[in-house]
N, C-alpha and C. Protein backbone atom coordinates (compact mmCIF):
# COMPACT_ATOMS: atom_id res chain seq x y z
N MET A 1 -26.76 67.78 -61.42
CA MET A 1 -26.12 66.30 -61.94
C MET A 1 -25.23 66.45 -60.82
N ILE A 2 -24.24 67.68 -61.25
CA ILE A 2 -22.72 67.80 -60.24
C ILE A 2 -23.69 67.82 -58.67
N LEU A 3 -24.75 68.31 -58.42
CA LEU A 3 -24.64 68.61 -56.92
C LEU A 3 -25.97 67.17 -56.56
N GLU A 4 -26.27 66.31 -57.63
CA GLU A 4 -26.68 65.29 -57.11
C GLU A 4 -25.12 64.11 -56.67
N VAL A 5 -24.17 64.11 -57.29
CA VAL A 5 -23.13 63.20 -57.21
C VAL A 5 -22.19 63.70 -56.06
N LEU A 6 -21.92 65.09 -55.74
CA LEU A 6 -21.56 65.27 -54.27
C LEU A 6 -22.58 65.45 -53.33
N SER A 7 -23.82 65.11 -53.47
CA SER A 7 -24.75 65.08 -52.06
C SER A 7 -24.83 63.38 -51.82
N LEU A 8 -24.69 62.55 -53.07
CA LEU A 8 -24.34 61.02 -52.91
C LEU A 8 -23.04 60.96 -51.59
N VAL A 9 -21.94 61.46 -52.69
CA VAL A 9 -20.32 61.36 -51.70
C VAL A 9 -20.80 61.48 -50.73
N ALA A 10 -21.07 62.92 -50.43
CA ALA A 10 -21.14 63.62 -48.65
C ALA A 10 -21.81 62.42 -47.95
N SER A 11 -22.96 61.35 -48.50
CA SER A 11 -23.94 61.03 -47.92
C SER A 11 -23.46 59.52 -47.72
N LEU A 12 -22.13 59.59 -47.95
CA LEU A 12 -21.50 58.27 -48.14
C LEU A 12 -20.55 57.71 -46.82
N PRO A 13 -20.66 56.77 -46.24
CA PRO A 13 -19.91 56.89 -44.96
C PRO A 13 -18.27 56.65 -44.91
N PHE A 14 -17.14 57.47 -44.76
CA PHE A 14 -16.32 57.32 -44.48
C PHE A 14 -15.18 57.18 -43.11
N HIS A 15 -14.39 56.45 -43.38
CA HIS A 15 -13.31 56.08 -42.79
C HIS A 15 -12.11 56.13 -42.64
N LEU A 16 -11.72 57.64 -43.48
CA LEU A 16 -10.37 57.96 -43.94
C LEU A 16 -9.43 57.71 -42.72
N ASP A 17 -9.91 57.99 -41.25
CA ASP A 17 -9.30 58.63 -40.36
C ASP A 17 -9.69 57.85 -38.82
N SER A 18 -10.30 56.61 -39.30
CA SER A 18 -10.48 55.78 -38.30
C SER A 18 -9.65 54.59 -38.17
N LEU A 19 -9.40 54.64 -36.55
CA LEU A 19 -8.22 53.40 -36.14
C LEU A 19 -8.95 52.15 -36.92
N GLU A 20 -8.00 51.19 -37.19
CA GLU A 20 -8.06 49.54 -36.95
C GLU A 20 -7.16 49.06 -36.15
N CYS A 21 -7.82 48.55 -35.12
CA CYS A 21 -7.28 47.81 -34.40
C CYS A 21 -7.64 46.03 -34.97
N TYR A 22 -6.69 45.55 -33.94
CA TYR A 22 -7.04 43.80 -33.72
C TYR A 22 -8.13 43.34 -32.70
N ILE A 23 -8.51 42.44 -33.49
CA ILE A 23 -9.79 42.11 -31.41
C ILE A 23 -9.54 40.53 -32.22
N CYS A 24 -9.93 40.28 -30.70
CA CYS A 24 -10.29 39.00 -30.01
C CYS A 24 -11.17 38.97 -28.50
N THR A 25 -11.37 38.07 -28.13
CA THR A 25 -11.64 38.00 -26.82
C THR A 25 -11.43 36.95 -26.17
N ASN A 26 -10.60 36.91 -25.02
CA ASN A 26 -10.25 35.63 -24.54
C ASN A 26 -9.76 34.86 -25.30
N GLU A 27 -8.64 34.68 -26.31
CA GLU A 27 -7.75 33.73 -26.52
C GLU A 27 -6.68 33.15 -25.86
N GLU A 28 -6.31 31.86 -25.88
CA GLU A 28 -5.72 31.40 -25.19
C GLU A 28 -4.28 31.75 -26.27
N GLY A 29 -3.31 32.18 -25.99
CA GLY A 29 -2.18 33.05 -26.69
C GLY A 29 -2.40 34.18 -27.40
N ASN A 30 -1.50 34.65 -28.28
CA ASN A 30 -1.49 35.84 -29.30
C ASN A 30 -1.72 35.09 -30.85
N TRP A 31 -2.59 34.31 -30.51
CA TRP A 31 -2.77 33.52 -31.90
C TRP A 31 -4.33 33.97 -32.92
N ASN A 32 -4.07 32.90 -33.82
CA ASN A 32 -5.43 32.92 -34.43
C ASN A 32 -6.06 34.53 -34.56
N ASP A 33 -7.34 34.15 -34.17
CA ASP A 33 -7.92 35.33 -34.09
C ASP A 33 -7.39 36.33 -33.76
N CYS A 34 -6.22 36.32 -32.84
CA CYS A 34 -5.86 37.69 -32.08
C CYS A 34 -4.94 38.49 -33.09
N ILE A 35 -4.44 37.91 -34.27
CA ILE A 35 -3.35 38.37 -35.30
C ILE A 35 -4.17 38.46 -36.42
N ARG A 36 -5.21 37.92 -36.37
CA ARG A 36 -5.50 38.10 -37.81
C ARG A 36 -7.40 38.73 -38.13
N THR A 37 -7.83 39.11 -37.30
CA THR A 37 -8.80 39.75 -37.09
C THR A 37 -9.08 40.64 -36.94
N ILE A 38 -9.42 42.31 -37.90
CA ILE A 38 -9.48 43.32 -37.30
C ILE A 38 -10.40 44.50 -37.43
N GLN A 39 -10.58 45.23 -37.09
CA GLN A 39 -11.73 46.04 -36.66
C GLN A 39 -11.79 47.44 -37.00
N THR A 40 -12.16 48.01 -37.98
CA THR A 40 -12.12 49.59 -37.93
C THR A 40 -13.23 50.10 -36.80
N CYS A 41 -12.25 50.95 -36.11
CA CYS A 41 -12.99 51.57 -34.85
C CYS A 41 -14.05 52.93 -35.09
N GLU A 42 -15.07 52.73 -34.26
CA GLU A 42 -15.89 53.71 -34.40
C GLU A 42 -15.00 55.22 -34.42
N PRO A 43 -15.92 55.98 -34.84
CA PRO A 43 -15.02 57.43 -35.06
C PRO A 43 -14.51 58.08 -33.42
N LEU A 44 -15.11 57.96 -32.35
CA LEU A 44 -14.54 58.14 -30.98
C LEU A 44 -13.46 57.40 -30.35
N GLN A 45 -13.27 56.08 -31.11
CA GLN A 45 -12.39 54.91 -30.93
C GLN A 45 -11.43 55.68 -31.34
N ASP A 46 -10.37 56.33 -30.71
CA ASP A 46 -9.02 56.62 -30.82
C ASP A 46 -7.88 55.37 -30.13
N THR A 47 -8.40 54.63 -29.80
CA THR A 47 -7.21 53.51 -29.29
C THR A 47 -7.04 52.29 -29.44
N CYS A 48 -6.28 51.53 -29.48
CA CYS A 48 -5.96 49.89 -29.38
C CYS A 48 -5.53 49.48 -27.93
N GLN A 49 -6.43 48.73 -27.68
CA GLN A 49 -5.74 47.97 -26.26
C GLN A 49 -5.77 46.34 -26.22
N SER A 50 -4.75 45.95 -25.39
CA SER A 50 -4.87 44.54 -25.43
C SER A 50 -5.01 44.38 -23.93
N ILE A 51 -5.32 43.30 -23.51
CA ILE A 51 -5.48 42.58 -22.43
C ILE A 51 -5.32 41.83 -21.79
N VAL A 52 -4.20 41.13 -21.11
CA VAL A 52 -3.16 39.63 -21.00
C VAL A 52 -3.57 39.24 -19.38
N GLN A 53 -4.44 38.23 -19.54
CA GLN A 53 -4.68 37.41 -18.40
C GLN A 53 -3.73 36.32 -17.81
N TYR A 54 -3.05 36.08 -16.96
CA TYR A 54 -2.65 35.24 -16.70
C TYR A 54 -3.13 34.62 -15.44
N ARG A 55 -3.71 33.23 -15.98
CA ARG A 55 -4.43 32.39 -15.12
C ARG A 55 -4.94 30.84 -15.37
N THR A 56 -5.66 30.33 -14.26
CA THR A 56 -5.93 28.56 -14.65
C THR A 56 -7.29 28.82 -15.64
N PRO A 57 -7.19 28.31 -16.33
CA PRO A 57 -8.31 27.67 -17.55
C PRO A 57 -9.64 27.16 -17.02
N PRO A 58 -10.66 27.93 -17.64
CA PRO A 58 -11.79 27.35 -17.54
C PRO A 58 -12.08 25.71 -17.62
N PHE A 59 -11.40 25.07 -18.03
CA PHE A 59 -11.58 23.62 -17.89
C PHE A 59 -9.86 23.31 -17.19
N TRP A 60 -10.09 21.30 -17.08
CA TRP A 60 -9.14 20.99 -16.12
C TRP A 60 -8.38 21.04 -16.99
N THR A 61 -6.81 21.12 -16.04
CA THR A 61 -5.45 20.70 -16.51
C THR A 61 -4.79 19.92 -15.56
N VAL A 62 -4.01 19.39 -16.32
CA VAL A 62 -2.88 19.00 -15.71
C VAL A 62 -2.12 19.53 -14.75
N LEU A 63 -1.77 19.32 -13.08
CA LEU A 63 -1.71 20.53 -12.11
C LEU A 63 -2.04 21.51 -12.13
N ALA A 64 -3.44 21.76 -13.10
CA ALA A 64 -3.92 23.68 -12.87
C ALA A 64 -2.92 24.25 -13.10
N GLU A 65 -2.29 24.34 -14.72
CA GLU A 65 -1.33 25.10 -14.72
C GLU A 65 -1.88 26.05 -15.15
N ARG A 66 -1.26 27.26 -15.40
CA ARG A 66 -1.75 28.79 -15.51
C ARG A 66 -1.47 28.88 -16.89
N ARG A 67 -2.25 29.65 -17.59
CA ARG A 67 -2.03 30.19 -19.30
C ARG A 67 -2.21 31.67 -19.27
N ALA A 68 -2.11 32.39 -20.66
CA ALA A 68 -1.97 32.88 -20.75
C ALA A 68 -3.31 33.85 -21.94
N PHE A 69 -4.17 34.66 -21.60
CA PHE A 69 -5.64 34.74 -22.17
C PHE A 69 -5.63 36.12 -22.74
N VAL A 70 -5.87 36.54 -24.19
CA VAL A 70 -5.69 37.78 -24.40
C VAL A 70 -6.89 37.87 -25.19
N THR A 71 -7.19 39.45 -25.10
CA THR A 71 -8.57 39.86 -25.56
C THR A 71 -8.12 41.45 -25.78
N LYS A 72 -8.32 41.60 -27.25
CA LYS A 72 -7.90 42.76 -27.90
C LYS A 72 -9.22 43.64 -28.46
N GLY A 73 -9.03 44.83 -28.24
CA GLY A 73 -10.25 45.69 -29.37
C GLY A 73 -9.83 47.20 -29.53
N CYS A 74 -11.00 47.71 -30.33
CA CYS A 74 -11.43 49.17 -29.66
C CYS A 74 -11.50 50.13 -28.93
N THR A 75 -11.19 51.08 -28.20
CA THR A 75 -11.49 52.04 -26.95
C THR A 75 -11.41 53.35 -27.35
N THR A 76 -11.60 53.86 -26.15
CA THR A 76 -10.82 55.22 -26.04
C THR A 76 -9.94 55.31 -24.88
N THR A 77 -9.01 56.16 -25.38
CA THR A 77 -7.45 56.54 -24.75
C THR A 77 -8.03 56.56 -23.11
N SER A 78 -9.29 57.61 -22.85
CA SER A 78 -9.61 57.87 -21.21
C SER A 78 -10.01 56.01 -20.74
N ALA A 79 -10.85 55.73 -21.49
CA ALA A 79 -11.21 54.19 -21.06
C ALA A 79 -9.97 53.44 -21.11
N CYS A 80 -9.16 53.17 -22.02
CA CYS A 80 -7.70 52.35 -22.06
C CYS A 80 -6.62 52.79 -20.56
N GLN A 81 -6.85 53.87 -19.87
CA GLN A 81 -6.32 54.42 -19.16
C GLN A 81 -6.47 53.87 -17.84
N MET A 82 -8.37 53.88 -17.97
CA MET A 82 -8.94 53.76 -16.74
C MET A 82 -8.64 52.08 -16.05
N THR A 83 -8.59 51.25 -17.21
CA THR A 83 -8.83 49.56 -17.30
C THR A 83 -7.52 49.92 -16.65
N SER A 84 -6.39 50.11 -17.33
CA SER A 84 -4.87 50.20 -16.82
C SER A 84 -5.01 50.20 -15.38
N SER A 85 -5.35 51.89 -15.15
CA SER A 85 -5.41 51.93 -13.64
C SER A 85 -5.70 51.35 -12.11
N VAL A 86 -7.17 50.99 -12.87
CA VAL A 86 -7.88 50.10 -12.01
C VAL A 86 -7.42 48.46 -11.84
N ILE A 87 -6.50 47.66 -13.19
CA ILE A 87 -6.28 46.50 -13.06
C ILE A 87 -4.59 46.26 -12.45
N SER A 88 -3.87 47.73 -12.39
CA SER A 88 -2.93 47.82 -12.20
C SER A 88 -1.74 47.01 -10.90
N GLU A 89 -2.80 47.16 -9.62
CA GLU A 89 -2.29 46.32 -8.68
C GLU A 89 -2.61 45.09 -8.85
N ARG A 90 -2.93 44.82 -9.74
CA ARG A 90 -2.81 42.63 -10.21
C ARG A 90 -2.12 42.56 -11.44
N CYS A 91 -1.54 44.01 -11.51
CA CYS A 91 -0.62 43.29 -12.73
C CYS A 91 0.79 43.36 -12.65
N SER A 92 1.27 42.63 -11.89
CA SER A 92 2.40 42.14 -10.78
C SER A 92 2.75 40.48 -11.57
N ARG A 93 3.60 40.33 -12.44
CA ARG A 93 3.46 39.19 -13.16
C ARG A 93 4.40 37.97 -12.15
N SER A 94 3.98 37.12 -12.50
CA SER A 94 4.53 35.90 -11.52
C SER A 94 3.81 34.53 -11.99
N LYS A 95 5.45 33.73 -12.41
CA LYS A 95 4.63 32.28 -12.64
C LYS A 95 3.36 31.82 -11.64
N THR A 96 3.73 31.91 -10.37
CA THR A 96 2.72 31.25 -9.28
C THR A 96 2.14 31.46 -9.47
N ARG A 97 1.15 33.23 -9.68
CA ARG A 97 0.04 33.80 -9.31
C ARG A 97 -1.06 34.33 -10.82
N ASP A 98 -1.87 34.46 -10.23
CA ASP A 98 -2.72 34.96 -11.51
C ASP A 98 -2.66 36.68 -11.52
N TRP A 99 -2.17 37.25 -12.86
CA TRP A 99 -2.33 38.32 -13.17
C TRP A 99 -3.28 39.11 -14.61
N ILE A 100 -3.23 40.15 -14.49
CA ILE A 100 -3.78 40.88 -15.21
C ILE A 100 -3.29 42.19 -15.32
N CYS A 101 -3.05 42.32 -16.72
CA CYS A 101 -1.97 43.60 -17.23
C CYS A 101 -2.51 44.34 -18.82
N SER A 102 -2.74 45.27 -18.71
CA SER A 102 -3.42 46.19 -19.80
C SER A 102 -2.13 46.89 -20.90
N TYR A 103 -2.43 47.12 -22.08
CA TYR A 103 -1.59 47.78 -22.84
C TYR A 103 -2.43 48.61 -23.52
N CYS A 104 -1.86 50.16 -24.07
CA CYS A 104 -3.00 51.07 -24.81
C CYS A 104 -2.12 51.01 -25.98
N CYS A 105 -1.97 51.42 -27.17
CA CYS A 105 -1.40 51.95 -28.05
C CYS A 105 -2.33 53.06 -29.38
N ASN A 106 -1.92 54.31 -29.95
CA ASN A 106 -2.49 54.63 -30.67
C ASN A 106 -2.65 54.78 -32.26
N SER A 107 -2.09 54.01 -32.96
CA SER A 107 -1.87 53.48 -34.05
C SER A 107 -2.57 52.17 -34.96
N ASP A 108 -2.27 52.71 -36.19
CA ASP A 108 -3.33 51.37 -37.08
C ASP A 108 -2.67 49.94 -36.82
N ARG A 109 -3.39 48.98 -36.29
CA ARG A 109 -3.00 47.88 -36.09
C ARG A 109 -1.89 47.61 -34.88
N CYS A 110 -1.64 48.57 -34.55
CA CYS A 110 -0.34 48.85 -33.49
C CYS A 110 -0.60 47.65 -32.14
N ASN A 111 -1.91 46.78 -31.96
CA ASN A 111 -1.95 45.80 -30.97
C ASN A 111 -1.72 44.34 -31.80
N TYR A 112 -0.93 44.45 -32.25
CA TYR A 112 -0.75 43.29 -33.31
C TYR A 112 0.30 42.29 -32.47
N TYR A 113 1.24 42.72 -31.64
CA TYR A 113 2.19 42.30 -30.66
C TYR A 113 1.69 42.50 -29.45
N VAL A 114 2.13 41.83 -28.69
CA VAL A 114 1.41 41.68 -26.87
C VAL A 114 3.03 42.20 -26.32
N PRO A 115 3.52 43.31 -25.52
CA PRO A 115 4.28 43.50 -25.41
C PRO A 115 5.43 42.90 -24.69
N LYS A 116 6.59 42.80 -24.91
CA LYS A 116 7.35 41.66 -24.51
C LYS A 116 7.67 41.65 -23.34
N ALA A 117 6.92 42.57 -22.50
CA ALA A 117 7.54 43.00 -21.06
C ALA A 117 6.13 42.36 -20.71
N LEU A 118 4.87 41.52 -21.03
CA LEU A 118 4.05 40.69 -20.82
C LEU A 118 4.58 39.50 -20.72
N ILE A 119 4.65 39.07 -21.81
CA ILE A 119 4.79 37.52 -22.08
C ILE A 119 6.21 36.86 -22.98
N PHE A 120 6.38 35.61 -23.11
CA PHE A 120 7.47 35.33 -23.93
C PHE A 120 6.54 34.18 -24.52
N VAL A 121 7.39 33.67 -25.35
CA VAL A 121 6.83 32.43 -26.00
C VAL A 121 7.44 30.75 -25.33
N SER A 122 6.27 30.21 -25.33
CA SER A 122 7.16 29.03 -24.45
C SER A 122 6.09 27.66 -25.22
N GLN A 123 7.10 26.13 -25.27
CA GLN A 123 6.43 25.18 -26.62
C GLN A 123 4.91 24.56 -26.13
N SER A 124 4.70 25.03 -24.54
CA SER A 124 3.64 24.31 -24.02
C SER A 124 1.95 25.46 -24.62
N SER A 125 2.24 26.28 -23.86
CA SER A 125 0.87 26.96 -24.08
C SER A 125 0.83 27.85 -24.74
N GLY A 126 2.29 28.30 -25.62
CA GLY A 126 2.23 29.42 -26.44
C GLY A 126 2.59 30.45 -25.73
N LEU A 127 2.17 30.95 -24.97
CA LEU A 127 2.89 32.11 -23.89
C LEU A 127 2.88 31.71 -22.56
N GLU A 128 3.76 32.36 -21.93
CA GLU A 128 4.33 31.92 -20.20
C GLU A 128 4.53 33.72 -20.05
N VAL A 129 4.90 33.52 -18.60
CA VAL A 129 5.45 34.82 -18.03
C VAL A 129 6.94 35.28 -18.20
N ILE A 130 7.44 36.30 -18.13
CA ILE A 130 8.67 36.26 -17.96
C ILE A 130 9.11 36.16 -17.01
């Protein structure tokens, strides 16, 4: 009987040490899904990543004003660092040009906020460049 219980317990999937990250895909601003949806990462995914793109939206807007779009999720440290490195040349914040920046962190739900260095709150779109 004890062996059966131990066998059953050993077969259960445990996520005691799995990282939890907020997830969203291409959301306008750091709202809604970006701060409400949490994912338990796969065992090898040890990093939460946030990517902020400041660009014109895929739909028509007056004056083609740029907006911030946020993507968050689980990844590995090496993949996050590689993404950050690849896009680093395009991480030059400007109100008049498109840009993209990546941020990596390694603790549970650490990607709730988008780093202040990337954006600030505005009335029109919710997010704006510094």
